[in-house]
Amino acid sequence: MEFTEAELNQILNSGQSPIWLNNADLSGADLSETNLAKARLLRANLSQVNLAGADLSGADLTYANLSGANLSQANLKMAGLSGADLRDADLSGADLAEADLSRVLMIGANLHGADLRRVNLSESNLNGADLSGANLSETNLSEASLEGANLSQTNFSQALMREADLTGTNLDEAILDDANTEFAILPDGSIDN
């Protein structure tokens, strides 16, 4: 379902809460600083959308296409993004605490300095992503693929990294206190038993 700019503005300013935009095509729209808390955006096309500084806390973005989207400094706390496409998305400085990011595609995504505490990233693909300086304490990364990712100065305290693939990652100054890396493939290709 496609919307004109006027139709979209009418929906956003209607006072309706939550906003329902399931299966909507909003590709390329400027939604920066917009309040979309608890919005329903299931399977929405949000590719190349500007959501910088937007409030998407508690939003349902399951299976949404957010490839190339700008989500820098956005609030995605407790959002549902399971199965979403976030390839090459900019999530730098975003708050994703306690969000569901299971089985997401985040190849080449920028998560520099993002808050990913207690996030579910199980079975996700973060190959080539930049997670430098991000906080992933108590995060579930079991069976996630992080091949070639920049993990320098990333906090993995108490993270579950069981069977994660860390081949070729940069772990310079990363914090791994009490992280569970059982059967993970380490940067040098060895397996942690």
N, C-alpha and C. Protein backbone atom coordinates (compact mmCIF):
# COMPACT_ATOMS: atom_id res chain seq x y z
N MET A 1 0.85 -1.17 0.00
CA MET A 1 0.00 0.00 0.00
C MET A 1 0.90 1.24 0.00
N GLU A 2 0.73 2.08 -0.99
CA GLU A 2 1.52 3.30 -1.09
C GLU A 2 0.70 4.50 -0.62
N PHE A 3 1.41 5.48 -0.07
CA PHE A 3 0.76 6.70 0.42
C PHE A 3 1.39 7.92 -0.22
N THR A 4 0.56 8.93 -0.50
CA THR A 4 1.12 10.21 -0.91
C THR A 4 1.66 10.87 0.35
N GLU A 5 2.47 11.89 0.19
CA GLU A 5 3.01 12.60 1.35
C GLU A 5 1.88 13.20 2.20
N ALA A 6 0.85 13.71 1.56
CA ALA A 6 -0.29 14.30 2.28
C ALA A 6 -1.04 13.23 3.09
N GLU A 7 -1.25 12.05 2.47
CA GLU A 7 -1.94 10.96 3.17
C GLU A 7 -1.14 10.48 4.37
N LEU A 8 0.17 10.36 4.18
CA LEU A 8 1.03 9.92 5.27
C LEU A 8 1.03 10.93 6.41
N ASN A 9 1.11 12.21 6.08
CA ASN A 9 1.07 13.26 7.12
C ASN A 9 -0.26 13.24 7.86
N GLN A 10 -1.35 12.98 7.15
CA GLN A 10 -2.67 12.90 7.79
C GLN A 10 -2.70 11.75 8.80
N ILE A 11 -2.15 10.60 8.43
CA ILE A 11 -2.11 9.44 9.33
C ILE A 11 -1.25 9.74 10.54
N LEU A 12 -0.07 10.32 10.30
CA LEU A 12 0.86 10.60 11.40
C LEU A 12 0.33 11.65 12.35
N ASN A 13 -0.49 12.58 11.87
CA ASN A 13 -1.02 13.66 12.70
C ASN A 13 -2.45 13.40 13.19
N SER A 14 -2.95 12.20 12.96
CA SER A 14 -4.34 11.89 13.31
C SER A 14 -4.56 11.68 14.81
N GLY A 15 -3.47 11.46 15.55
CA GLY A 15 -3.62 11.20 16.97
C GLY A 15 -3.92 9.74 17.26
N GLN A 16 -4.05 8.93 16.20
CA GLN A 16 -4.31 7.50 16.37
C GLN A 16 -3.09 6.85 17.03
N SER A 17 -3.35 6.01 18.00
CA SER A 17 -2.26 5.30 18.66
C SER A 17 -2.71 3.90 19.03
N PRO A 18 -2.03 2.87 18.60
CA PRO A 18 -0.85 2.95 17.74
C PRO A 18 -1.23 3.18 16.27
N ILE A 19 -0.24 3.61 15.52
CA ILE A 19 -0.42 3.81 14.08
C ILE A 19 -0.26 2.47 13.38
N TRP A 20 -1.18 2.14 12.50
CA TRP A 20 -1.15 0.88 11.76
C TRP A 20 -0.72 1.15 10.32
N LEU A 21 0.47 0.65 9.97
CA LEU A 21 0.98 0.79 8.61
C LEU A 21 1.56 -0.53 8.11
N ASN A 22 0.91 -1.64 8.48
CA ASN A 22 1.35 -2.96 8.02
C ASN A 22 1.35 -3.00 6.49
N ASN A 23 2.40 -3.59 5.92
CA ASN A 23 2.56 -3.76 4.46
C ASN A 23 2.62 -2.45 3.68
N ALA A 24 2.79 -1.32 4.36
CA ALA A 24 2.85 -0.03 3.68
C ALA A 24 4.18 0.16 2.97
N ASP A 25 4.16 0.87 1.86
CA ASP A 25 5.38 1.23 1.15
C ASP A 25 5.70 2.68 1.48
N LEU A 26 6.68 2.86 2.37
CA LEU A 26 7.09 4.20 2.78
C LEU A 26 8.53 4.47 2.33
N SER A 27 9.00 3.70 1.37
CA SER A 27 10.40 3.80 0.93
C SER A 27 10.75 5.23 0.57
N GLY A 28 11.92 5.66 1.07
CA GLY A 28 12.43 6.98 0.76
C GLY A 28 11.81 8.13 1.54
N ALA A 29 10.85 7.86 2.41
CA ALA A 29 10.16 8.94 3.15
C ALA A 29 11.08 9.56 4.22
N ASP A 30 10.82 10.80 4.57
CA ASP A 30 11.54 11.46 5.66
C ASP A 30 10.65 11.43 6.90
N LEU A 31 10.97 10.53 7.81
CA LEU A 31 10.22 10.37 9.05
C LEU A 31 11.11 10.69 10.25
N SER A 32 12.12 11.51 10.04
CA SER A 32 13.04 11.84 11.12
C SER A 32 12.28 12.53 12.25
N GLU A 33 12.67 12.18 13.48
CA GLU A 33 12.09 12.76 14.71
C GLU A 33 10.60 12.45 14.87
N THR A 34 10.05 11.53 14.08
CA THR A 34 8.62 11.20 14.14
C THR A 34 8.34 10.26 15.31
N ASN A 35 7.19 10.44 15.96
CA ASN A 35 6.77 9.55 17.03
C ASN A 35 6.00 8.38 16.43
N LEU A 36 6.66 7.23 16.39
CA LEU A 36 6.04 6.00 15.89
C LEU A 36 6.06 4.94 16.98
N ALA A 37 6.02 5.37 18.24
CA ALA A 37 6.04 4.43 19.36
C ALA A 37 4.86 3.47 19.23
N LYS A 38 5.15 2.20 19.37
CA LYS A 38 4.17 1.10 19.30
C LYS A 38 3.48 0.99 17.94
N ALA A 39 4.01 1.63 16.92
CA ALA A 39 3.42 1.54 15.58
C ALA A 39 3.49 0.11 15.06
N ARG A 40 2.55 -0.24 14.23
CA ARG A 40 2.51 -1.56 13.61
C ARG A 40 2.96 -1.39 12.16
N LEU A 41 4.21 -1.86 11.90
CA LEU A 41 4.82 -1.72 10.59
C LEU A 41 5.25 -3.09 10.05
N LEU A 42 4.49 -4.10 10.36
CA LEU A 42 4.77 -5.47 9.94
C LEU A 42 4.90 -5.54 8.42
N ARG A 43 6.02 -6.06 7.94
CA ARG A 43 6.31 -6.24 6.52
C ARG A 43 6.28 -4.92 5.72
N ALA A 44 6.44 -3.80 6.38
CA ALA A 44 6.45 -2.51 5.68
C ALA A 44 7.75 -2.33 4.90
N ASN A 45 7.67 -1.61 3.80
CA ASN A 45 8.86 -1.27 3.02
C ASN A 45 9.35 0.09 3.49
N LEU A 46 10.43 0.07 4.27
CA LEU A 46 11.01 1.30 4.81
C LEU A 46 12.44 1.47 4.29
N SER A 47 12.71 0.92 3.13
CA SER A 47 14.05 1.03 2.57
C SER A 47 14.37 2.49 2.27
N GLN A 48 15.59 2.88 2.59
CA GLN A 48 16.09 4.24 2.36
C GLN A 48 15.29 5.32 3.09
N VAL A 49 14.54 4.96 4.13
CA VAL A 49 13.75 5.92 4.90
C VAL A 49 14.64 6.63 5.91
N ASN A 50 14.39 7.90 6.13
CA ASN A 50 15.10 8.65 7.16
C ASN A 50 14.28 8.61 8.44
N LEU A 51 14.76 7.82 9.41
CA LEU A 51 14.12 7.70 10.72
C LEU A 51 15.07 8.19 11.81
N ALA A 52 15.99 9.05 11.46
CA ALA A 52 16.97 9.56 12.44
C ALA A 52 16.24 10.23 13.59
N GLY A 53 16.56 9.82 14.81
CA GLY A 53 15.96 10.42 15.99
C GLY A 53 14.50 10.07 16.22
N ALA A 54 13.93 9.17 15.42
CA ALA A 54 12.52 8.80 15.56
C ALA A 54 12.31 7.93 16.80
N ASP A 55 11.10 7.97 17.34
CA ASP A 55 10.73 7.12 18.47
C ASP A 55 9.95 5.93 17.93
N LEU A 56 10.61 4.77 17.92
CA LEU A 56 10.00 3.52 17.48
C LEU A 56 9.95 2.53 18.63
N SER A 57 9.95 3.03 19.86
CA SER A 57 9.95 2.15 21.02
C SER A 57 8.69 1.28 21.01
N GLY A 58 8.89 -0.01 21.20
CA GLY A 58 7.78 -0.95 21.22
C GLY A 58 7.11 -1.18 19.88
N ALA A 59 7.65 -0.65 18.80
CA ALA A 59 7.05 -0.81 17.47
C ALA A 59 7.23 -2.24 16.97
N ASP A 60 6.31 -2.69 16.13
CA ASP A 60 6.40 -4.00 15.50
C ASP A 60 6.87 -3.81 14.07
N LEU A 61 8.15 -4.15 13.84
CA LEU A 61 8.76 -4.03 12.52
C LEU A 61 9.15 -5.42 12.00
N THR A 62 8.42 -6.44 12.44
CA THR A 62 8.71 -7.81 12.04
C THR A 62 8.68 -7.93 10.52
N TYR A 63 9.75 -8.50 9.97
CA TYR A 63 9.92 -8.72 8.52
C TYR A 63 9.90 -7.44 7.70
N ALA A 64 10.10 -6.29 8.32
CA ALA A 64 10.12 -5.02 7.57
C ALA A 64 11.42 -4.90 6.76
N ASN A 65 11.36 -4.18 5.66
CA ASN A 65 12.53 -3.90 4.85
C ASN A 65 13.04 -2.52 5.24
N LEU A 66 14.16 -2.50 5.97
CA LEU A 66 14.79 -1.25 6.41
C LEU A 66 16.18 -1.11 5.79
N SER A 67 16.40 -1.75 4.65
CA SER A 67 17.72 -1.70 4.03
C SER A 67 18.07 -0.26 3.65
N GLY A 68 19.28 0.14 4.02
CA GLY A 68 19.75 1.49 3.72
C GLY A 68 19.07 2.60 4.50
N ALA A 69 18.25 2.26 5.47
CA ALA A 69 17.53 3.28 6.25
C ALA A 69 18.46 3.99 7.22
N ASN A 70 18.14 5.24 7.53
CA ASN A 70 18.88 6.01 8.53
C ASN A 70 18.09 5.97 9.84
N LEU A 71 18.61 5.19 10.80
CA LEU A 71 17.99 5.06 12.11
C LEU A 71 18.94 5.58 13.19
N SER A 72 19.86 6.45 12.81
CA SER A 72 20.82 6.97 13.78
C SER A 72 20.09 7.71 14.90
N GLN A 73 20.53 7.45 16.12
CA GLN A 73 19.97 8.07 17.32
C GLN A 73 18.48 7.76 17.52
N ALA A 74 17.94 6.78 16.82
CA ALA A 74 16.52 6.42 16.98
C ALA A 74 16.31 5.62 18.26
N ASN A 75 15.10 5.70 18.80
CA ASN A 75 14.72 4.93 19.97
C ASN A 75 13.94 3.71 19.50
N LEU A 76 14.59 2.54 19.59
CA LEU A 76 13.97 1.28 19.19
C LEU A 76 13.88 0.34 20.39
N LYS A 77 13.85 0.91 21.57
CA LYS A 77 13.81 0.11 22.80
C LYS A 77 12.59 -0.80 22.77
N MET A 78 12.82 -2.09 23.00
CA MET A 78 11.78 -3.13 23.07
C MET A 78 11.00 -3.28 21.76
N ALA A 79 11.56 -2.85 20.65
CA ALA A 79 10.90 -3.02 19.35
C ALA A 79 11.04 -4.45 18.86
N GLY A 80 10.11 -4.89 18.05
CA GLY A 80 10.16 -6.21 17.44
C GLY A 80 10.61 -6.11 16.01
N LEU A 81 11.82 -6.61 15.72
CA LEU A 81 12.37 -6.53 14.38
C LEU A 81 12.74 -7.91 13.83
N SER A 82 12.18 -8.94 14.39
CA SER A 82 12.53 -10.30 13.99
C SER A 82 12.36 -10.48 12.48
N GLY A 83 13.40 -11.02 11.83
CA GLY A 83 13.34 -11.28 10.40
C GLY A 83 13.45 -10.05 9.52
N ALA A 84 13.73 -8.89 10.10
CA ALA A 84 13.82 -7.64 9.32
C ALA A 84 15.10 -7.59 8.48
N ASP A 85 15.05 -6.82 7.41
CA ASP A 85 16.20 -6.58 6.53
C ASP A 85 16.77 -5.21 6.86
N LEU A 86 17.96 -5.20 7.50
CA LEU A 86 18.62 -3.96 7.90
C LEU A 86 19.98 -3.84 7.21
N ARG A 87 20.12 -4.42 6.03
CA ARG A 87 21.39 -4.34 5.32
C ARG A 87 21.76 -2.88 5.07
N ASP A 88 23.00 -2.56 5.39
CA ASP A 88 23.56 -1.22 5.16
C ASP A 88 22.79 -0.10 5.86
N ALA A 89 22.01 -0.43 6.88
CA ALA A 89 21.28 0.59 7.64
C ALA A 89 22.22 1.30 8.61
N ASP A 90 21.93 2.54 8.91
CA ASP A 90 22.70 3.33 9.88
C ASP A 90 21.93 3.36 11.19
N LEU A 91 22.44 2.62 12.18
CA LEU A 91 21.84 2.58 13.51
C LEU A 91 22.82 3.13 14.54
N SER A 92 23.74 3.97 14.09
CA SER A 92 24.74 4.51 15.01
C SER A 92 24.07 5.30 16.13
N GLY A 93 24.47 4.99 17.35
CA GLY A 93 23.93 5.69 18.51
C GLY A 93 22.48 5.37 18.83
N ALA A 94 21.89 4.40 18.15
CA ALA A 94 20.48 4.06 18.39
C ALA A 94 20.33 3.28 19.70
N ASP A 95 19.17 3.40 20.32
CA ASP A 95 18.84 2.66 21.54
C ASP A 95 17.96 1.49 21.15
N LEU A 96 18.55 0.28 21.18
CA LEU A 96 17.83 -0.94 20.82
C LEU A 96 17.69 -1.86 22.02
N ALA A 97 17.86 -1.35 23.22
CA ALA A 97 17.84 -2.18 24.43
C ALA A 97 16.57 -3.04 24.47
N GLU A 98 16.78 -4.32 24.73
CA GLU A 98 15.71 -5.31 24.90
C GLU A 98 14.86 -5.53 23.65
N ALA A 99 15.36 -5.16 22.49
CA ALA A 99 14.62 -5.38 21.24
C ALA A 99 14.81 -6.82 20.76
N ASP A 100 13.88 -7.30 19.94
CA ASP A 100 14.01 -8.62 19.32
C ASP A 100 14.53 -8.44 17.91
N LEU A 101 15.80 -8.81 17.74
CA LEU A 101 16.46 -8.73 16.44
C LEU A 101 16.85 -10.13 15.96
N SER A 102 16.09 -11.12 16.36
CA SER A 102 16.42 -12.50 15.96
C SER A 102 16.21 -12.67 14.45
N ARG A 103 17.13 -13.39 13.85
CA ARG A 103 17.09 -13.73 12.42
C ARG A 103 17.06 -12.49 11.51
N VAL A 104 17.65 -11.37 11.96
CA VAL A 104 17.71 -10.18 11.10
C VAL A 104 18.91 -10.25 10.16
N LEU A 105 18.81 -9.55 9.08
CA LEU A 105 19.88 -9.41 8.10
C LEU A 105 20.46 -8.02 8.29
N MET A 106 21.70 -7.95 8.84
CA MET A 106 22.32 -6.65 9.13
C MET A 106 23.70 -6.54 8.47
N ILE A 107 23.85 -7.14 7.32
CA ILE A 107 25.13 -7.12 6.62
C ILE A 107 25.51 -5.66 6.33
N GLY A 108 26.72 -5.28 6.76
CA GLY A 108 27.23 -3.94 6.49
C GLY A 108 26.56 -2.82 7.28
N ALA A 109 25.74 -3.16 8.25
CA ALA A 109 25.04 -2.13 9.04
C ALA A 109 26.01 -1.37 9.94
N ASN A 110 25.70 -0.11 10.22
CA ASN A 110 26.50 0.71 11.12
C ASN A 110 25.78 0.78 12.47
N LEU A 111 26.36 0.12 13.48
CA LEU A 111 25.81 0.10 14.83
C LEU A 111 26.81 0.72 15.81
N HIS A 112 27.68 1.58 15.31
CA HIS A 112 28.70 2.20 16.14
C HIS A 112 28.04 2.92 17.32
N GLY A 113 28.46 2.55 18.54
CA GLY A 113 27.97 3.22 19.74
C GLY A 113 26.52 2.94 20.08
N ALA A 114 25.91 1.95 19.44
CA ALA A 114 24.49 1.64 19.71
C ALA A 114 24.34 0.90 21.04
N ASP A 115 23.18 1.06 21.66
CA ASP A 115 22.85 0.36 22.91
C ASP A 115 22.04 -0.88 22.54
N LEU A 116 22.70 -2.04 22.68
CA LEU A 116 22.07 -3.32 22.34
C LEU A 116 22.02 -4.22 23.57
N ARG A 117 21.86 -3.64 24.74
CA ARG A 117 21.79 -4.45 25.97
C ARG A 117 20.54 -5.33 25.97
N ARG A 118 20.78 -6.60 26.34
CA ARG A 118 19.70 -7.60 26.49
C ARG A 118 18.87 -7.76 25.21
N VAL A 119 19.51 -7.63 24.06
CA VAL A 119 18.85 -7.80 22.76
C VAL A 119 18.96 -9.26 22.33
N ASN A 120 17.96 -9.75 21.63
CA ASN A 120 18.02 -11.08 21.04
C ASN A 120 18.48 -10.94 19.60
N LEU A 121 19.74 -11.34 19.33
CA LEU A 121 20.31 -11.33 17.99
C LEU A 121 20.60 -12.75 17.52
N SER A 122 19.93 -13.72 18.10
CA SER A 122 20.20 -15.12 17.74
C SER A 122 19.89 -15.36 16.26
N GLU A 123 20.78 -16.14 15.64
CA GLU A 123 20.64 -16.54 14.24
C GLU A 123 20.62 -15.37 13.27
N SER A 124 21.18 -14.23 13.67
CA SER A 124 21.22 -13.05 12.81
C SER A 124 22.50 -13.00 12.01
N ASN A 125 22.48 -12.27 10.89
CA ASN A 125 23.65 -12.11 10.04
C ASN A 125 24.13 -10.67 10.14
N LEU A 126 25.28 -10.50 10.82
CA LEU A 126 25.89 -9.18 11.00
C LEU A 126 27.25 -9.12 10.31
N ASN A 127 27.42 -9.89 9.25
CA ASN A 127 28.71 -9.91 8.54
C ASN A 127 29.07 -8.51 8.06
N GLY A 128 30.31 -8.12 8.36
CA GLY A 128 30.81 -6.82 7.91
C GLY A 128 30.20 -5.62 8.61
N ALA A 129 29.41 -5.84 9.64
CA ALA A 129 28.79 -4.73 10.37
C ALA A 129 29.80 -4.01 11.26
N ASP A 130 29.55 -2.76 11.55
CA ASP A 130 30.39 -1.98 12.47
C ASP A 130 29.66 -1.87 13.80
N LEU A 131 30.15 -2.64 14.79
CA LEU A 131 29.58 -2.60 16.14
C LEU A 131 30.59 -1.98 17.11
N SER A 132 31.54 -1.25 16.60
CA SER A 132 32.56 -0.67 17.46
C SER A 132 31.95 0.25 18.50
N GLY A 133 32.39 0.10 19.74
CA GLY A 133 31.90 0.93 20.82
C GLY A 133 30.46 0.67 21.23
N ALA A 134 29.84 -0.37 20.70
CA ALA A 134 28.45 -0.69 21.05
C ALA A 134 28.39 -1.46 22.36
N ASN A 135 27.25 -1.41 23.03
CA ASN A 135 27.05 -2.14 24.28
C ASN A 135 26.14 -3.33 23.99
N LEU A 136 26.72 -4.54 24.02
CA LEU A 136 25.97 -5.76 23.80
C LEU A 136 25.99 -6.63 25.06
N SER A 137 26.04 -6.01 26.23
CA SER A 137 26.05 -6.78 27.46
C SER A 137 24.72 -7.53 27.62
N GLU A 138 24.84 -8.76 28.06
CA GLU A 138 23.69 -9.65 28.28
C GLU A 138 22.87 -9.91 27.02
N THR A 139 23.50 -9.77 25.86
CA THR A 139 22.82 -9.97 24.58
C THR A 139 22.95 -11.41 24.11
N ASN A 140 21.92 -11.92 23.47
CA ASN A 140 21.93 -13.28 22.92
C ASN A 140 22.40 -13.22 21.47
N LEU A 141 23.62 -13.73 21.24
CA LEU A 141 24.20 -13.79 19.90
C LEU A 141 24.39 -15.24 19.47
N SER A 142 23.65 -16.16 20.07
CA SER A 142 23.85 -17.57 19.75
C SER A 142 23.54 -17.82 18.27
N GLU A 143 24.46 -18.53 17.63
CA GLU A 143 24.37 -18.90 16.22
C GLU A 143 24.34 -17.70 15.28
N ALA A 144 24.75 -16.53 15.75
CA ALA A 144 24.82 -15.35 14.89
C ALA A 144 26.10 -15.38 14.07
N SER A 145 26.07 -14.79 12.90
CA SER A 145 27.25 -14.69 12.05
C SER A 145 27.74 -13.25 12.06
N LEU A 146 29.01 -13.08 12.50
CA LEU A 146 29.61 -11.75 12.58
C LEU A 146 30.90 -11.69 11.78
N GLU A 147 31.01 -12.49 10.74
CA GLU A 147 32.24 -12.56 9.96
C GLU A 147 32.68 -11.18 9.49
N GLY A 148 33.95 -10.86 9.77
CA GLY A 148 34.52 -9.60 9.31
C GLY A 148 33.96 -8.35 9.97
N ALA A 149 33.20 -8.50 11.03
CA ALA A 149 32.60 -7.33 11.70
C ALA A 149 33.64 -6.59 12.53
N ASN A 150 33.45 -5.29 12.70
CA ASN A 150 34.31 -4.49 13.57
C ASN A 150 33.69 -4.50 14.96
N LEU A 151 34.34 -5.21 15.89
CA LEU A 151 33.85 -5.35 17.25
C LEU A 151 34.79 -4.68 18.25
N SER A 152 35.62 -3.77 17.76
CA SER A 152 36.57 -3.10 18.65
C SER A 152 35.84 -2.26 19.69
N GLN A 153 36.32 -2.32 20.92
CA GLN A 153 35.77 -1.57 22.06
C GLN A 153 34.28 -1.87 22.30
N THR A 154 33.84 -3.04 21.87
CA THR A 154 32.44 -3.45 22.09
C THR A 154 32.34 -4.18 23.42
N ASN A 155 31.26 -3.92 24.15
CA ASN A 155 31.04 -4.55 25.45
C ASN A 155 30.16 -5.78 25.26
N PHE A 156 30.76 -6.98 25.48
CA PHE A 156 30.04 -8.25 25.39
C PHE A 156 29.90 -8.88 26.77
N SER A 157 29.95 -8.11 27.84
CA SER A 157 29.85 -8.66 29.19
C SER A 157 28.60 -9.51 29.34
N GLN A 158 28.78 -10.73 29.79
CA GLN A 158 27.69 -11.68 30.05
C GLN A 158 26.86 -11.98 28.82
N ALA A 159 27.39 -11.77 27.64
CA ALA A 159 26.67 -12.08 26.41
C ALA A 159 26.70 -13.58 26.13
N LEU A 160 25.65 -14.08 25.52
CA LEU A 160 25.58 -15.47 25.09
C LEU A 160 25.99 -15.51 23.63
N MET A 161 27.20 -16.05 23.38
CA MET A 161 27.76 -16.08 22.03
C MET A 161 27.98 -17.52 21.58
N ARG A 162 27.20 -18.42 22.13
CA ARG A 162 27.34 -19.85 21.84
C ARG A 162 27.12 -20.10 20.34
N GLU A 163 28.11 -20.74 19.72
CA GLU A 163 28.10 -21.11 18.30
C GLU A 163 28.07 -19.90 17.36
N ALA A 164 28.44 -18.72 17.85
CA ALA A 164 28.53 -17.54 16.98
C ALA A 164 29.76 -17.65 16.09
N ASP A 165 29.71 -17.09 14.90
CA ASP A 165 30.84 -17.10 13.98
C ASP A 165 31.51 -15.74 14.01
N LEU A 166 32.72 -15.69 14.60
CA LEU A 166 33.48 -14.46 14.75
C LEU A 166 34.69 -14.43 13.81
N THR A 167 34.67 -15.23 12.76
CA THR A 167 35.79 -15.33 11.83
C THR A 167 36.16 -13.96 11.28
N GLY A 168 37.45 -13.62 11.41
CA GLY A 168 37.96 -12.38 10.83
C GLY A 168 37.47 -11.10 11.48
N THR A 169 36.92 -11.19 12.68
CA THR A 169 36.44 -9.97 13.35
C THR A 169 37.58 -9.23 14.03
N ASN A 170 37.37 -7.96 14.28
CA ASN A 170 38.32 -7.14 15.03
C ASN A 170 37.77 -7.01 16.44
N LEU A 171 38.45 -7.67 17.41
CA LEU A 171 38.02 -7.64 18.80
C LEU A 171 38.95 -6.78 19.67
N ASP A 172 39.69 -5.85 19.05
CA ASP A 172 40.61 -5.00 19.81
C ASP A 172 39.87 -4.26 20.92
N GLU A 173 40.35 -4.42 22.14
CA GLU A 173 39.81 -3.75 23.32
C GLU A 173 38.34 -4.09 23.61
N ALA A 174 37.85 -5.19 23.03
CA ALA A 174 36.47 -5.63 23.33
C ALA A 174 36.43 -6.20 24.74
N ILE A 175 35.31 -6.05 25.40
CA ILE A 175 35.12 -6.56 26.76
C ILE A 175 34.29 -7.83 26.66
N LEU A 176 34.89 -8.95 27.10
CA LEU A 176 34.24 -10.26 27.02
C LEU A 176 34.05 -10.88 28.40
N ASP A 177 33.96 -10.07 29.45
CA ASP A 177 33.83 -10.57 30.82
C ASP A 177 32.58 -11.44 30.95
N ASP A 178 32.81 -12.69 31.38
CA ASP A 178 31.73 -13.66 31.62
C ASP A 178 30.87 -13.94 30.38
N ALA A 179 31.39 -13.67 29.18
CA ALA A 179 30.65 -14.01 27.95
C ALA A 179 30.77 -15.51 27.71
N ASN A 180 29.70 -16.12 27.25
CA ASN A 180 29.69 -17.54 26.94
C ASN A 180 29.99 -17.70 25.45
N THR A 181 31.21 -18.15 25.13
CA THR A 181 31.63 -18.33 23.75
C THR A 181 31.77 -19.82 23.40
N GLU A 182 31.08 -20.67 24.13
CA GLU A 182 31.19 -22.12 23.90
C GLU A 182 30.83 -22.45 22.45
N PHE A 183 31.74 -23.18 21.81
CA PHE A 183 31.61 -23.62 20.42
C PHE A 183 31.56 -22.48 19.41
N ALA A 184 31.91 -21.29 19.82
CA ALA A 184 31.98 -20.16 18.88
C ALA A 184 33.22 -20.30 18.01
N ILE A 185 33.13 -19.84 16.77
CA ILE A 185 34.29 -19.80 15.89
C ILE A 185 34.96 -18.46 16.13
N LEU A 186 36.19 -18.52 16.66
CA LEU A 186 36.92 -17.32 17.03
C LEU A 186 37.54 -16.63 15.83
N PRO A 187 38.03 -15.39 15.97
CA PRO A 187 38.57 -14.64 14.83
C PRO A 187 39.62 -15.38 14.02
N ASP A 188 40.44 -16.23 14.69
CA ASP A 188 41.48 -16.95 13.96
C ASP A 188 40.97 -18.26 13.35
N GLY A 189 39.68 -18.55 13.46
CA GLY A 189 39.09 -19.75 12.89
C GLY A 189 39.03 -20.92 13.85
N SER A 190 39.64 -20.80 15.03
CA SER A 190 39.58 -21.90 16.00
C SER A 190 38.22 -21.90 16.69
N ILE A 191 37.89 -23.05 17.27
CA ILE A 191 36.60 -23.19 17.96
C ILE A 191 36.84 -23.22 19.45
N ASP A 192 36.06 -22.43 20.20
CA ASP A 192 36.18 -22.37 21.66
C ASP A 192 35.39 -23.54 22.24
N ASN A 193 36.16 -24.45 22.88
CA ASN A 193 35.50 -25.61 23.50
C ASN A 193 35.25 -25.28 24.94
